[in-house]
Amino acid sequence: MERNDLAFASGPRVRRYIIPGCRNMSNFCWAVITSLGGAGFILAGLSSLVQRNLLPFTFDFRSIVFFPQGVVMVFYGTVGLLFGLYTWFTIYWQIGSGFNEIDPQGNSVRIFRWGFPGKNRRIDLAYAISDIQSIRVDIQDGLTPKRAIYLVIKDQGPIPLLRVTVPCPVEEVELQAAELARILQVSLEMTNR
């Protein structure tokens, strides 16, 4: 008997869905743009203070008066640099990444995510399959389309399993939710906004 046959003979397999969290191309782009933009604004504001162009090959910022324009540029540059630093740290710490694990044989669903550093960094939730009421799919169309799959627990409400902010076909999200509902043997709820 082959290895795959043994897995099917022993019962349903454990399924693990990997969640990437903050490590996506969009966050990398925002981190680079805000870091470079913030540094550029700070250097432009400081150029007006020291009366020397600190940004070569660009506009001559010595003609800008330091108070109030230079001060405002340094302020906005600091905010942009701090936001870029925050984004870099969320990428480094892998905030939101983890997995969803379904074990039909062990009658359990496990949701694991990494949070911000501290005593609650590890978010590890486990539920019995018998406590699951349904799988819910929220679809929001418009300028910022969003798709989300929730695990609805009896007496607790919905817990997000997957949020898709990148444009993807609705059918793909529906197929994934239908597969989860089939594995867990629960109903599938659809909501459109």
C-alpha atoms as a PDB file:
ATOM      1  CA  MET A   1       0.000   0.000   0.000  1.00  0.00           C
ATOM      2  CA  GLU A   2       1.356   3.438  -0.880  1.00  0.00           C
ATOM      3  CA  ARG A   3       1.759   6.237   1.613  1.00  0.00           C
ATOM      4  CA  ASN A   4      -1.241   8.176   0.262  1.00  0.00           C
ATOM      5  CA  ASP A   5      -3.451   5.081   0.622  1.00  0.00           C
ATOM      6  CA  LEU A   6      -2.420   4.794   4.271  1.00  0.00           C
ATOM      7  CA  ALA A   7      -3.448   8.383   4.914  1.00  0.00           C
ATOM      8  CA  PHE A   8      -6.901   7.782   3.487  1.00  0.00           C
ATOM      9  CA  ALA A   9      -7.258   4.434   5.208  1.00  0.00           C
ATOM     10  CA  SER A  10      -6.616   5.928   8.640  1.00  0.00           C
ATOM     11  CA  GLY A  11      -9.334   8.573   8.210  1.00  0.00           C
ATOM     12  CA  PRO A  12      -9.594  12.221   7.205  1.00  0.00           C
ATOM     13  CA  ARG A  13      -6.363  14.138   7.178  1.00  0.00           C
ATOM     14  CA  VAL A  14      -5.467  17.276   9.088  1.00  0.00           C
ATOM     15  CA  ARG A  15      -5.727  20.318   6.838  1.00  0.00           C
ATOM     16  CA  ARG A  16      -3.585  23.369   7.460  1.00  0.00           C
ATOM     17  CA  TYR A  17      -4.139  26.680   5.683  1.00  0.00           C
ATOM     18  CA  ILE A  18      -1.184  29.090   5.923  1.00  0.00           C
ATOM     19  CA  ILE A  19      -2.032  32.781   6.461  1.00  0.00           C
ATOM     20  CA  PRO A  20       0.729  35.184   5.310  1.00  0.00           C
ATOM     21  CA  GLY A  21      -0.350  38.151   7.468  1.00  0.00           C
ATOM     22  CA  CYS A  22       1.591  41.383   6.930  1.00  0.00           C
ATOM     23  CA  ARG A  23       4.219  39.888   4.668  1.00  0.00           C
ATOM     24  CA  ASN A  24       2.726  40.860   1.338  1.00  0.00           C
ATOM     25  CA  MET A  25       3.902  43.007  -1.569  1.00  0.00           C
ATOM     26  CA  SER A  26       1.525  45.846  -0.691  1.00  0.00           C
ATOM     27  CA  ASN A  27       3.022  46.322   2.776  1.00  0.00           C
ATOM     28  CA  PHE A  28       6.577  46.167   1.404  1.00  0.00           C
ATOM     29  CA  CYS A  29       5.693  48.893  -1.122  1.00  0.00           C
ATOM     30  CA  TRP A  30       4.071  51.098   1.536  1.00  0.00           C
ATOM     31  CA  ALA A  31       7.054  50.654   3.869  1.00  0.00           C
ATOM     32  CA  VAL A  32       9.519  51.712   1.167  1.00  0.00           C
ATOM     33  CA  ILE A  33       7.404  54.639  -0.063  1.00  0.00           C
ATOM     34  CA  THR A  34       6.653  56.092   3.377  1.00  0.00           C
ATOM     35  CA  SER A  35      10.229  55.626   4.621  1.00  0.00           C
ATOM     36  CA  LEU A  36      11.784  57.303   1.584  1.00  0.00           C
ATOM     37  CA  GLY A  37       9.107  60.013   1.465  1.00  0.00           C
ATOM     38  CA  GLY A  38       9.472  60.750   5.186  1.00  0.00           C
ATOM     39  CA  ALA A  39      13.274  60.945   4.918  1.00  0.00           C
ATOM     40  CA  GLY A  40      12.934  63.226   1.888  1.00  0.00           C
ATOM     41  CA  PHE A  41      10.589  65.606   3.732  1.00  0.00           C
ATOM     42  CA  ILE A  42      12.916  65.735   6.752  1.00  0.00           C
ATOM     43  CA  LEU A  43      15.950  66.479   4.570  1.00  0.00           C
ATOM     44  CA  ALA A  44      14.002  69.119   2.638  1.00  0.00           C
ATOM     45  CA  GLY A  45      12.939  70.849   5.857  1.00  0.00           C
ATOM     46  CA  LEU A  46      16.457  70.690   7.291  1.00  0.00           C
ATOM     47  CA  SER A  47      17.854  72.074   4.008  1.00  0.00           C
ATOM     48  CA  SER A  48      15.840  75.225   4.591  1.00  0.00           C
ATOM     49  CA  LEU A  49      17.295  75.453   8.132  1.00  0.00           C
ATOM     50  CA  VAL A  50      20.998  75.011   7.306  1.00  0.00           C
ATOM     51  CA  GLN A  51      20.709  76.826   3.946  1.00  0.00           C
ATOM     52  CA  ARG A  52      22.449  73.949   2.167  1.00  0.00           C
ATOM     53  CA  ASN A  53      20.775  71.524  -0.242  1.00  0.00           C
ATOM     54  CA  LEU A  54      20.831  68.145   1.554  1.00  0.00           C
ATOM     55  CA  LEU A  55      18.945  66.422  -1.272  1.00  0.00           C
ATOM     56  CA  PRO A  56      21.215  66.451  -4.334  1.00  0.00           C
ATOM     57  CA  PHE A  57      19.770  66.440  -7.857  1.00  0.00           C
ATOM     58  CA  THR A  58      16.429  67.840  -6.686  1.00  0.00           C
ATOM     59  CA  PHE A  59      14.692  71.156  -6.214  1.00  0.00           C
ATOM     60  CA  ASP A  60      16.773  73.771  -4.349  1.00  0.00           C
ATOM     61  CA  PHE A  61      15.138  73.754  -0.905  1.00  0.00           C
ATOM     62  CA  ARG A  62      17.288  76.667   0.393  1.00  0.00           C
ATOM     63  CA  SER A  63      14.676  79.069  -0.961  1.00  0.00           C
ATOM     64  CA  ILE A  64      12.080  77.717   1.489  1.00  0.00           C
ATOM     65  CA  VAL A  65      11.685  79.659   4.721  1.00  0.00           C
ATOM     66  CA  PHE A  66      12.334  77.381   7.702  1.00  0.00           C
ATOM     67  CA  PHE A  67       9.534  78.841   9.798  1.00  0.00           C
ATOM     68  CA  PRO A  68       6.745  77.794   9.066  1.00  0.00           C
ATOM     69  CA  GLN A  69       7.284  75.750   5.821  1.00  0.00           C
ATOM     70  CA  GLY A  70      10.474  73.964   6.897  1.00  0.00           C
ATOM     71  CA  VAL A  71       9.036  73.097  10.320  1.00  0.00           C
ATOM     72  CA  VAL A  72       5.919  71.631   8.694  1.00  0.00           C
ATOM     73  CA  MET A  73       8.044  69.572   6.280  1.00  0.00           C
ATOM     74  CA  VAL A  74      10.135  68.185   9.155  1.00  0.00           C
ATOM     75  CA  PHE A  75       6.940  67.359  11.061  1.00  0.00           C
ATOM     76  CA  TYR A  76       5.339  65.540   8.109  1.00  0.00           C
ATOM     77  CA  GLY A  77       8.636  63.801   7.364  1.00  0.00           C
ATOM     78  CA  THR A  78       8.849  62.562  10.954  1.00  0.00           C
ATOM     79  CA  VAL A  79       5.280  61.244  10.802  1.00  0.00           C
ATOM     80  CA  GLY A  80       6.002  59.508   7.480  1.00  0.00           C
ATOM     81  CA  LEU A  81       9.253  58.012   8.773  1.00  0.00           C
ATOM     82  CA  LEU A  82       7.536  56.748  11.936  1.00  0.00           C
ATOM     83  CA  PHE A  83       4.737  55.189   9.872  1.00  0.00           C
ATOM     84  CA  GLY A  84       7.317  53.529   7.617  1.00  0.00           C
ATOM     85  CA  LEU A  85       9.189  52.226  10.670  1.00  0.00           C
ATOM     86  CA  TYR A  86       5.928  50.857  12.099  1.00  0.00           C
ATOM     87  CA  THR A  87       5.208  49.079   8.807  1.00  0.00           C
ATOM     88  CA  TRP A  88       8.736  47.602   8.699  1.00  0.00           C
ATOM     89  CA  PHE A  89       8.331  46.267  12.245  1.00  0.00           C
ATOM     90  CA  THR A  90       4.936  44.672  11.477  1.00  0.00           C
ATOM     91  CA  ILE A  91       6.561  42.937   8.501  1.00  0.00           C
ATOM     92  CA  TYR A  92       9.566  41.833  10.590  1.00  0.00           C
ATOM     93  CA  TRP A  93       7.396  40.521  13.460  1.00  0.00           C
ATOM     94  CA  GLN A  94       5.055  38.779  10.958  1.00  0.00           C
ATOM     95  CA  ILE A  95       1.950  40.329  12.529  1.00  0.00           C
ATOM     96  CA  GLY A  96      -1.203  38.450  11.545  1.00  0.00           C
ATOM     97  CA  SER A  97       0.589  35.463  10.045  1.00  0.00           C
ATOM     98  CA  GLY A  98      -0.149  31.956  11.191  1.00  0.00           C
ATOM     99  CA  PHE A  99      -2.410  29.118  10.164  1.00  0.00           C
ATOM    100  CA  ASN A 100      -5.875  27.612  10.369  1.00  0.00           C
ATOM    101  CA  GLU A 101      -5.804  23.900  11.137  1.00  0.00           C
ATOM    102  CA  ILE A 102      -8.753  21.536  10.804  1.00  0.00           C
ATOM    103  CA  ASP A 103      -8.520  18.040  12.279  1.00  0.00           C
ATOM    104  CA  PRO A 104     -11.761  16.135  11.557  1.00  0.00           C
ATOM    105  CA  GLN A 105     -10.453  12.994  13.246  1.00  0.00           C
ATOM    106  CA  GLY A 106      -9.483  14.875  16.420  1.00  0.00           C
ATOM    107  CA  ASN A 107     -12.746  16.892  16.247  1.00  0.00           C
ATOM    108  CA  SER A 108     -10.903  20.216  16.533  1.00  0.00           C
ATOM    109  CA  VAL A 109     -10.255  23.484  14.737  1.00  0.00           C
ATOM    110  CA  ARG A 110      -7.176  25.484  15.682  1.00  0.00           C
ATOM    111  CA  ILE A 111      -6.537  29.113  14.745  1.00  0.00           C
ATOM    112  CA  PHE A 112      -3.005  30.403  15.336  1.00  0.00           C
ATOM    113  CA  ARG A 113      -1.747  33.955  14.683  1.00  0.00           C
ATOM    114  CA  TRP A 114       1.286  36.022  15.634  1.00  0.00           C
ATOM    115  CA  GLY A 115       0.524  39.352  17.327  1.00  0.00           C
ATOM    116  CA  PHE A 116       2.656  42.223  18.561  1.00  0.00           C
ATOM    117  CA  PRO A 117       5.511  41.375  20.972  1.00  0.00           C
ATOM    118  CA  GLY A 118       4.478  41.003  24.583  1.00  0.00           C
ATOM    119  CA  LYS A 119       2.762  38.472  26.766  1.00  0.00           C
ATOM    120  CA  ASN A 120      -0.083  37.995  24.238  1.00  0.00           C
ATOM    121  CA  ARG A 121       2.121  37.611  21.133  1.00  0.00           C
ATOM    122  CA  ARG A 122       0.895  34.074  20.438  1.00  0.00           C
ATOM    123  CA  ILE A 123      -2.802  33.921  19.658  1.00  0.00           C
ATOM    124  CA  ASP A 124      -3.763  30.255  19.742  1.00  0.00           C
ATOM    125  CA  LEU A 125      -7.467  29.358  19.725  1.00  0.00           C
ATOM    126  CA  ALA A 126      -8.907  25.846  19.628  1.00  0.00           C
ATOM    127  CA  TYR A 127     -12.543  24.833  19.210  1.00  0.00           C
ATOM    128  CA  ALA A 128     -14.398  21.552  18.964  1.00  0.00           C
ATOM    129  CA  ILE A 129     -16.018  20.983  15.581  1.00  0.00           C
ATOM    130  CA  SER A 130     -19.312  20.327  17.364  1.00  0.00           C
ATOM    131  CA  ASP A 131     -19.232  23.951  18.682  1.00  0.00           C
ATOM    132  CA  ILE A 132     -19.091  25.410  15.164  1.00  0.00           C
ATOM    133  CA  GLN A 133     -22.399  26.755  13.912  1.00  0.00           C
ATOM    134  CA  SER A 134     -21.465  27.758  10.347  1.00  0.00           C
ATOM    135  CA  ILE A 135     -18.969  29.309   7.945  1.00  0.00           C
ATOM    136  CA  ARG A 136     -19.849  32.871   6.932  1.00  0.00           C
ATOM    137  CA  VAL A 137     -18.579  34.716   3.868  1.00  0.00           C
ATOM    138  CA  ASP A 138     -18.780  38.524   3.756  1.00  0.00           C
ATOM    139  CA  ILE A 139     -18.386  40.117   0.343  1.00  0.00           C
ATOM    140  CA  GLN A 140     -18.126  43.886  -0.020  1.00  0.00           C
ATOM    141  CA  ASP A 141     -17.912  45.408  -3.488  1.00  0.00           C
ATOM    142  CA  GLY A 142     -17.140  48.971  -4.458  1.00  0.00           C
ATOM    143  CA  LEU A 143     -13.982  51.069  -4.582  1.00  0.00           C
ATOM    144  CA  THR A 144     -12.320  48.985  -1.858  1.00  0.00           C
ATOM    145  CA  PRO A 145     -13.603  45.435  -2.348  1.00  0.00           C
ATOM    146  CA  LYS A 146     -13.107  43.093   0.594  1.00  0.00           C
ATOM    147  CA  ARG A 147     -13.794  39.429   1.080  1.00  0.00           C
ATOM    148  CA  ALA A 148     -13.725  37.684   4.457  1.00  0.00           C
ATOM    149  CA  ILE A 149     -14.389  34.170   5.721  1.00  0.00           C
ATOM    150  CA  TYR A 150     -15.567  33.774   9.309  1.00  0.00           C
ATOM    151  CA  LEU A 151     -15.931  30.767  11.580  1.00  0.00           C
ATOM    152  CA  VAL A 152     -19.201  31.235  13.497  1.00  0.00           C
ATOM    153  CA  ILE A 153     -19.011  29.622  16.947  1.00  0.00           C
ATOM    154  CA  LYS A 154     -22.136  28.853  18.974  1.00  0.00           C
ATOM    155  CA  ASP A 155     -22.621  31.386  21.813  1.00  0.00           C
ATOM    156  CA  GLN A 156     -19.482  33.341  20.799  1.00  0.00           C
ATOM    157  CA  GLY A 157     -20.063  34.843  17.389  1.00  0.00           C
ATOM    158  CA  PRO A 158     -17.856  35.061  14.300  1.00  0.00           C
ATOM    159  CA  ILE A 159     -14.060  34.655  14.322  1.00  0.00           C
ATOM    160  CA  PRO A 160     -12.183  35.813  11.193  1.00  0.00           C
ATOM    161  CA  LEU A 161     -10.384  33.026   9.380  1.00  0.00           C
ATOM    162  CA  LEU A 162      -9.309  34.888   6.275  1.00  0.00           C
ATOM    163  CA  ARG A 163      -9.514  38.456   5.058  1.00  0.00           C
ATOM    164  CA  VAL A 164      -8.753  39.027   1.410  1.00  0.00           C
ATOM    165  CA  THR A 165      -7.971  42.661   0.636  1.00  0.00           C
ATOM    166  CA  VAL A 166      -6.258  41.947  -2.675  1.00  0.00           C
ATOM    167  CA  PRO A 167      -8.664  41.909  -5.611  1.00  0.00           C
ATOM    168  CA  CYS A 168      -9.541  38.285  -6.317  1.00  0.00           C
ATOM    169  CA  PRO A 169     -12.523  36.588  -7.888  1.00  0.00           C
ATOM    170  CA  VAL A 170     -15.509  36.101  -5.608  1.00  0.00           C
ATOM    171  CA  GLU A 171     -15.764  32.530  -6.868  1.00  0.00           C
ATOM    172  CA  GLU A 172     -12.347  31.699  -5.406  1.00  0.00           C
ATOM    173  CA  VAL A 173     -13.357  32.878  -1.915  1.00  0.00           C
ATOM    174  CA  GLU A 174     -16.709  31.088  -2.215  1.00  0.00           C
ATOM    175  CA  LEU A 175     -14.994  27.829  -3.233  1.00  0.00           C
ATOM    176  CA  GLN A 176     -12.627  28.011  -0.264  1.00  0.00           C
ATOM    177  CA  ALA A 177     -15.515  28.708   2.125  1.00  0.00           C
ATOM    178  CA  ALA A 178     -17.571  25.882   0.601  1.00  0.00           C
ATOM    179  CA  GLU A 179     -14.644  23.500   1.063  1.00  0.00           C
ATOM    180  CA  LEU A 180     -14.338  24.503   4.735  1.00  0.00           C
ATOM    181  CA  ALA A 181     -18.083  24.065   5.278  1.00  0.00           C
ATOM    182  CA  ARG A 182     -17.946  20.633   3.610  1.00  0.00           C
ATOM    183  CA  ILE A 183     -14.994  19.479   5.737  1.00  0.00           C
ATOM    184  CA  LEU A 184     -16.594  20.759   8.956  1.00  0.00           C
ATOM    185  CA  GLN A 185     -20.067  19.590   7.866  1.00  0.00           C
ATOM    186  CA  VAL A 186     -21.718  22.913   8.749  1.00  0.00           C
ATOM    187  CA  SER A 187     -23.869  25.358   6.817  1.00  0.00           C
ATOM    188  CA  LEU A 188     -22.485  28.156   4.638  1.00  0.00           C
ATOM    189  CA  GLU A 189     -23.832  31.725   5.045  1.00  0.00           C
ATOM    190  CA  MET A 190     -23.288  34.412   2.410  1.00  0.00           C
ATOM    191  CA  THR A 191     -23.636  38.147   3.072  1.00  0.00           C
ATOM    192  CA  ASN A 192     -23.177  40.874   0.441  1.00  0.00           C
ATOM    193  CA  ARG A 193     -22.778  44.531   1.268  1.00  0.00           C
END
